[in-house]
Structure formats: C-alpha cells, structure tokens
Amino acid sequence: MSNNVKTWSYNLINDTLTIDPSFGLTRLSILLISGTGSYKGSLQVGNLPSQPIPLQVGTPVNLSAEPSAPLLLGELTLTTTGTILLIGK
C-alpha cells in the first residue's frame, strides 16, 4: 500500500482563478511572487460579505479545512496582476 501525498501546483499569472470544492482540496498554500494579488472567500456571516484580502510579496498564506473531519476547502477567488504560486492537496 502506498502512502503518497498527491499535490497540485499552479502558477496564476495576470488572471483570476476561483477554487471551489470540486477541486477536492483540503489544504492550499498561496504565495505572491510579484505584482499585486488578493484572495476572497465566499462565506457571508450575518449581513457581512467576504472582502478581498491583499497578499504581500513573499509572505505565504496557508489555508486548511477542519482537521476533525474530511472537509474540503470552500470557494475562494484569487486575483493577481503579477504571479501567484499555488500548492494544494
């Protein structure tokens, strides 16, 4: 039996990408390499919608689903005028 961890990697360049549960990800690392970039969730809490959070060049953001259950990450939209590196599993 193999215990290989499968990962996904992607370079987002001058574009927008929406990641949703169909990607099957439980963890995602986001790193802005150049330019500007932001990420925004889709959850609304009460009457407060999610707002874009700016990324800083060279500062990673790591997101993960609840560890107590095999949940997938919800919808997340990434936008950049430069390059964002993504690694997920």
Protein backbone atom coordinates (compact mmCIF):
# COMPACT_ATOMS: atom_id res chain seq x y z
CA MET A 1 0.00 0.00 0.00
CA SER A 2 1.30 3.44 -0.94
CA ASN A 3 1.14 6.48 1.33
CA ASN A 4 1.89 9.01 -1.40
CA VAL A 5 0.56 12.51 -0.86
CA LYS A 6 -0.83 13.92 -4.08
CA THR A 7 -0.32 17.64 -4.60
CA TRP A 8 -1.47 20.22 -7.12
CA SER A 9 0.63 23.20 -8.17
CA TYR A 10 -0.27 26.15 -10.37
CA ASN A 11 1.19 29.49 -11.46
CA LEU A 12 -1.54 32.13 -11.72
CA ILE A 13 -0.25 34.95 -13.92
CA ASN A 14 -2.19 38.20 -14.51
CA ASP A 15 -5.52 36.45 -14.05
CA THR A 16 -8.32 35.41 -11.70
CA LEU A 17 -8.97 31.86 -10.51
CA THR A 18 -11.88 30.59 -8.44
CA ILE A 19 -11.17 27.46 -6.43
CA ASP A 20 -14.26 25.59 -5.26
CA PRO A 21 -14.99 22.24 -3.58
CA SER A 22 -14.87 20.47 -6.96
CA PHE A 23 -11.07 20.88 -6.80
CA GLY A 24 -11.09 18.42 -3.88
CA LEU A 25 -8.52 20.39 -1.86
CA THR A 26 -8.15 20.18 1.89
CA ARG A 27 -5.10 22.48 2.07
CA LEU A 28 -3.86 25.38 -0.03
CA SER A 29 -0.70 27.49 0.15
CA ILE A 30 -0.72 30.84 -1.63
CA LEU A 31 2.43 32.87 -2.37
CA LEU A 32 2.53 36.17 -4.24
CA ILE A 33 5.80 36.28 -6.20
CA SER A 34 5.36 39.61 -7.98
CA GLY A 35 2.84 42.36 -8.67
CA THR A 36 -0.32 42.67 -6.64
CA GLY A 37 -2.75 39.99 -5.57
CA SER A 38 -5.66 39.22 -3.28
CA TYR A 39 -7.87 36.39 -2.13
CA LYS A 40 -11.52 36.42 -1.15
CA GLY A 41 -13.74 33.76 0.38
CA SER A 42 -17.40 33.29 -0.48
CA LEU A 43 -18.81 32.94 3.05
CA GLN A 44 -21.19 35.59 4.34
CA VAL A 45 -21.50 35.96 8.12
CA GLY A 46 -24.80 37.59 9.04
CA ASN A 47 -25.06 40.53 6.68
CA LEU A 48 -21.27 40.85 6.25
CA PRO A 49 -19.99 39.51 2.93
CA SER A 50 -16.39 38.42 2.47
CA GLN A 51 -14.00 41.11 1.28
CA PRO A 52 -10.74 40.74 -0.65
CA ILE A 53 -7.60 40.41 1.48
CA PRO A 54 -4.41 41.73 -0.14
CA LEU A 55 -1.43 39.44 -0.47
CA GLN A 56 2.12 40.65 0.25
CA VAL A 57 5.03 39.63 -1.95
CA GLY A 58 7.00 36.84 -0.28
CA THR A 59 4.53 36.25 2.58
CA PRO A 60 2.74 32.88 2.27
CA VAL A 61 -0.88 32.28 3.24
CA ASN A 62 -1.82 28.74 4.26
CA LEU A 63 -5.45 27.60 4.39
CA SER A 64 -6.80 24.26 5.53
CA ALA A 65 -10.15 22.60 6.08
CA GLU A 66 -11.24 21.41 9.54
CA PRO A 67 -8.82 18.70 10.72
CA SER A 68 -11.50 16.81 12.64
CA ALA A 69 -13.47 15.88 9.52
CA PRO A 70 -12.56 15.21 5.88
CA LEU A 71 -13.93 18.54 4.69
CA LEU A 72 -12.92 20.31 1.51
CA LEU A 73 -11.96 23.96 1.23
CA GLY A 74 -14.89 26.16 0.24
CA GLU A 75 -14.94 28.66 -2.61
CA LEU A 76 -12.01 31.06 -2.82
CA THR A 77 -11.24 33.61 -5.54
CA LEU A 78 -7.64 34.66 -6.25
CA THR A 79 -6.77 37.69 -8.40
CA THR A 80 -3.35 38.97 -9.46
CA THR A 81 -1.64 41.49 -11.72
CA GLY A 82 1.58 39.53 -11.23
CA THR A 83 2.29 35.93 -10.30
CA ILE A 84 0.77 33.82 -7.52
CA LEU A 85 2.13 30.33 -6.85
CA LEU A 86 -0.40 27.80 -5.52
CA ILE A 87 0.24 24.41 -3.93
CA GLY A 88 -2.69 22.34 -2.75
CA LYS A 89 -3.53 18.87 -1.59
